[in-house]
Amino acid sequence: MRKSAKREFSVIVERDEDGYYVATVPELPGCHTQARSLDILMRRVREAIGVCLEAKGDLRPLVQFIGVQRIAV
């Protein structure tokens, strides 16, 4: 049995008011997780992506993440 090629996803990482790191995967709506450390967050987001792909099937992402821009107002 042949393994499928690895896919890459963009992950947005933020820190909330309680100090937790929060990871969101824009290409997979509803795919997010949180942790107290970045090491644990990266492990959890890989697991979350796997679960999201399993639940939704092997669909192409609906959106393509382009980037983040900071704007002063």
N, C-alpha and C. Protein backbone atom coordinates (compact mmCIF):
# COMPACT_ATOMS: atom_id res chain seq x y z
N MET A 1 0.84 -1.17 0.00
CA MET A 1 0.00 0.00 0.00
C MET A 1 0.89 1.24 0.00
N ARG A 2 0.57 2.19 -0.84
CA ARG A 2 1.37 3.39 -1.00
C ARG A 2 0.85 4.53 -0.13
N LYS A 3 1.74 5.17 0.59
CA LYS A 3 1.33 6.32 1.42
C LYS A 3 1.14 7.54 0.53
N SER A 4 0.17 8.37 0.88
CA SER A 4 -0.03 9.59 0.12
C SER A 4 1.03 10.62 0.51
N ALA A 5 1.27 11.57 -0.38
CA ALA A 5 2.27 12.60 -0.12
C ALA A 5 1.83 13.47 1.05
N LYS A 6 2.80 13.97 1.79
CA LYS A 6 2.48 14.87 2.90
C LYS A 6 1.93 16.17 2.35
N ARG A 7 0.99 16.72 3.08
CA ARG A 7 0.40 18.01 2.71
C ARG A 7 0.85 19.05 3.72
N GLU A 8 0.97 20.26 3.28
CA GLU A 8 1.36 21.36 4.17
C GLU A 8 0.17 22.27 4.39
N PHE A 9 0.05 22.76 5.63
CA PHE A 9 -1.02 23.68 6.00
C PHE A 9 -0.42 24.87 6.74
N SER A 10 -0.98 26.02 6.52
CA SER A 10 -0.58 27.21 7.28
C SER A 10 -1.26 27.15 8.63
N VAL A 11 -0.54 27.56 9.68
CA VAL A 11 -1.08 27.57 11.03
C VAL A 11 -0.87 28.96 11.62
N ILE A 12 -1.94 29.56 12.09
CA ILE A 12 -1.86 30.86 12.77
C ILE A 12 -1.75 30.56 14.26
N VAL A 13 -0.74 31.14 14.90
CA VAL A 13 -0.53 30.93 16.34
C VAL A 13 -0.70 32.26 17.05
N GLU A 14 -1.55 32.27 18.06
CA GLU A 14 -1.80 33.46 18.87
C GLU A 14 -1.68 33.07 20.34
N ARG A 15 -1.57 34.07 21.21
CA ARG A 15 -1.59 33.81 22.65
C ARG A 15 -2.78 34.56 23.23
N ASP A 16 -3.61 33.85 24.00
CA ASP A 16 -4.80 34.49 24.56
C ASP A 16 -4.49 35.19 25.88
N GLU A 17 -5.51 35.79 26.47
CA GLU A 17 -5.33 36.59 27.69
C GLU A 17 -4.92 35.75 28.90
N ASP A 18 -5.14 34.44 28.83
CA ASP A 18 -4.74 33.56 29.93
C ASP A 18 -3.36 32.94 29.73
N GLY A 19 -2.69 33.30 28.63
CA GLY A 19 -1.35 32.80 28.36
C GLY A 19 -1.30 31.52 27.56
N TYR A 20 -2.46 31.00 27.13
CA TYR A 20 -2.49 29.80 26.29
C TYR A 20 -2.15 30.17 24.86
N TYR A 21 -1.42 29.28 24.19
CA TYR A 21 -1.18 29.43 22.76
C TYR A 21 -2.35 28.78 22.03
N VAL A 22 -2.85 29.45 21.00
CA VAL A 22 -3.99 28.96 20.23
C VAL A 22 -3.56 28.84 18.78
N ALA A 23 -3.78 27.67 18.18
CA ALA A 23 -3.43 27.44 16.78
C ALA A 23 -4.71 27.25 15.97
N THR A 24 -4.76 27.93 14.83
CA THR A 24 -5.89 27.83 13.90
C THR A 24 -5.36 27.50 12.53
N VAL A 25 -6.05 26.62 11.81
CA VAL A 25 -5.65 26.24 10.45
C VAL A 25 -6.69 26.83 9.49
N PRO A 26 -6.37 27.96 8.84
CA PRO A 26 -7.36 28.64 7.99
C PRO A 26 -7.91 27.78 6.86
N GLU A 27 -7.11 26.89 6.31
CA GLU A 27 -7.56 26.05 5.19
C GLU A 27 -8.58 25.00 5.60
N LEU A 28 -8.68 24.73 6.89
CA LEU A 28 -9.62 23.72 7.40
C LEU A 28 -10.53 24.36 8.44
N PRO A 29 -11.66 24.91 8.01
CA PRO A 29 -12.57 25.59 8.94
C PRO A 29 -12.90 24.70 10.15
N GLY A 30 -12.82 25.30 11.34
CA GLY A 30 -13.11 24.58 12.57
C GLY A 30 -11.93 23.81 13.13
N CYS A 31 -10.78 23.88 12.47
CA CYS A 31 -9.60 23.14 12.92
C CYS A 31 -8.74 24.07 13.77
N HIS A 32 -8.76 23.82 15.08
CA HIS A 32 -7.98 24.64 16.00
C HIS A 32 -7.71 23.86 17.29
N THR A 33 -6.74 24.31 18.06
CA THR A 33 -6.41 23.69 19.33
C THR A 33 -5.66 24.70 20.18
N GLN A 34 -5.37 24.34 21.43
CA GLN A 34 -4.63 25.24 22.31
C GLN A 34 -3.74 24.44 23.24
N ALA A 35 -2.74 25.12 23.82
CA ALA A 35 -1.82 24.48 24.77
C ALA A 35 -1.07 25.57 25.53
N ARG A 36 -0.45 25.17 26.63
CA ARG A 36 0.34 26.09 27.44
C ARG A 36 1.72 26.37 26.84
N SER A 37 2.27 25.41 26.04
CA SER A 37 3.59 25.60 25.45
C SER A 37 3.53 25.41 23.93
N LEU A 38 4.48 26.01 23.23
CA LEU A 38 4.51 25.88 21.78
C LEU A 38 4.82 24.45 21.34
N ASP A 39 5.67 23.74 22.09
CA ASP A 39 5.98 22.36 21.73
C ASP A 39 4.73 21.49 21.75
N ILE A 40 3.96 21.61 22.80
CA ILE A 40 2.73 20.83 22.92
C ILE A 40 1.72 21.29 21.87
N LEU A 41 1.66 22.60 21.62
CA LEU A 41 0.73 23.14 20.63
C LEU A 41 1.01 22.53 19.26
N MET A 42 2.26 22.44 18.86
CA MET A 42 2.59 21.89 17.54
C MET A 42 2.19 20.41 17.44
N ARG A 43 2.38 19.66 18.50
CA ARG A 43 1.95 18.27 18.50
C ARG A 43 0.42 18.18 18.38
N ARG A 44 -0.26 19.02 19.14
CA ARG A 44 -1.73 19.00 19.13
C ARG A 44 -2.31 19.46 17.79
N VAL A 45 -1.68 20.45 17.16
CA VAL A 45 -2.23 20.93 15.89
C VAL A 45 -2.06 19.88 14.80
N ARG A 46 -0.97 19.11 14.84
CA ARG A 46 -0.82 18.00 13.89
C ARG A 46 -1.95 16.98 14.09
N GLU A 47 -2.23 16.67 15.34
CA GLU A 47 -3.33 15.75 15.64
C GLU A 47 -4.66 16.32 15.17
N ALA A 48 -4.90 17.61 15.41
CA ALA A 48 -6.15 18.26 15.02
C ALA A 48 -6.32 18.23 13.50
N ILE A 49 -5.24 18.49 12.76
CA ILE A 49 -5.31 18.44 11.30
C ILE A 49 -5.69 17.04 10.84
N GLY A 50 -5.07 16.03 11.45
CA GLY A 50 -5.41 14.65 11.10
C GLY A 50 -6.88 14.34 11.33
N VAL A 51 -7.40 14.79 12.47
CA VAL A 51 -8.81 14.56 12.80
C VAL A 51 -9.71 15.29 11.82
N CYS A 52 -9.39 16.53 11.50
CA CYS A 52 -10.20 17.32 10.56
C CYS A 52 -10.20 16.67 9.18
N LEU A 53 -9.06 16.21 8.72
CA LEU A 53 -8.99 15.57 7.41
C LEU A 53 -9.78 14.26 7.40
N GLU A 54 -9.70 13.52 8.49
CA GLU A 54 -10.44 12.27 8.61
C GLU A 54 -11.95 12.53 8.58
N ALA A 55 -12.38 13.55 9.29
CA ALA A 55 -13.81 13.86 9.39
C ALA A 55 -14.37 14.40 8.08
N LYS A 56 -13.58 15.18 7.37
CA LYS A 56 -14.06 15.83 6.15
C LYS A 56 -13.68 15.06 4.89
N GLY A 57 -12.91 14.01 5.02
CA GLY A 57 -12.42 13.30 3.84
C GLY A 57 -11.20 14.03 3.32
N ASP A 58 -10.67 13.58 2.23
CA ASP A 58 -9.46 14.19 1.68
C ASP A 58 -9.83 15.28 0.68
N LEU A 59 -10.54 16.29 1.16
CA LEU A 59 -10.98 17.39 0.32
C LEU A 59 -9.89 18.43 0.15
N ARG A 60 -9.93 19.12 -0.94
CA ARG A 60 -9.03 20.26 -1.14
C ARG A 60 -9.50 21.40 -0.24
N PRO A 61 -8.57 22.16 0.32
CA PRO A 61 -8.98 23.30 1.16
C PRO A 61 -9.83 24.29 0.36
N LEU A 62 -10.81 24.89 1.03
CA LEU A 62 -11.68 25.86 0.38
C LEU A 62 -11.02 27.22 0.24
N VAL A 63 -10.09 27.51 1.11
CA VAL A 63 -9.39 28.79 1.06
C VAL A 63 -7.89 28.54 1.04
N GLN A 64 -7.17 29.49 0.52
CA GLN A 64 -5.72 29.42 0.53
C GLN A 64 -5.20 30.57 1.39
N PHE A 65 -4.48 30.24 2.45
CA PHE A 65 -3.92 31.27 3.33
C PHE A 65 -2.82 32.00 2.59
N ILE A 66 -2.87 33.31 2.60
CA ILE A 66 -1.88 34.14 1.91
C ILE A 66 -0.90 34.77 2.87
N GLY A 67 -1.36 35.32 3.98
CA GLY A 67 -0.45 35.94 4.92
C GLY A 67 -1.17 36.82 5.91
N VAL A 68 -0.38 37.45 6.76
CA VAL A 68 -0.91 38.35 7.78
C VAL A 68 -0.28 39.71 7.56
N GLN A 69 -1.07 40.74 7.66
CA GLN A 69 -0.58 42.09 7.48
C GLN A 69 -0.97 42.91 8.70
N ARG A 70 -0.02 43.62 9.27
CA ARG A 70 -0.32 44.51 10.40
C ARG A 70 -0.56 45.92 9.85
N ILE A 71 -1.60 46.55 10.37
CA ILE A 71 -1.95 47.90 9.92
C ILE A 71 -2.16 48.77 11.14
N ALA A 72 -1.51 49.91 11.17
CA ALA A 72 -1.71 50.87 12.25
C ALA A 72 -2.83 51.83 11.89
N VAL A 73 -3.73 52.06 12.83
CA VAL A 73 -4.86 52.96 12.60
C VAL A 73 -4.90 53.97 13.70
